Amino acid sequence: MATAKKKTARGRNQDRARVAGGQDYEVRYEAKKTGRSASAVKKAVKKVGSSRKRVEKRLGR
């Protein structure tokens, strides 16, 4: 008898912890959230990577 796979949300939202520096809507969102300019967000992403936590720390939030 075959068992059905569990349908869980585990692992689906891992990309929420990332800032896609090439996506304008992501950059605008983070800029508005932190009160910084879009270019500052792009520079932060380039400097520290795409981790949202590190980008926000870099931007001083």
Foldseek 3Di string as FASTA:
>chain_A
DDDDDDDDCPPVPPCVQFQDLVDPVSLVVLCVVLVHDSVLLSVLCVVPNGGNVSSSVSSPD
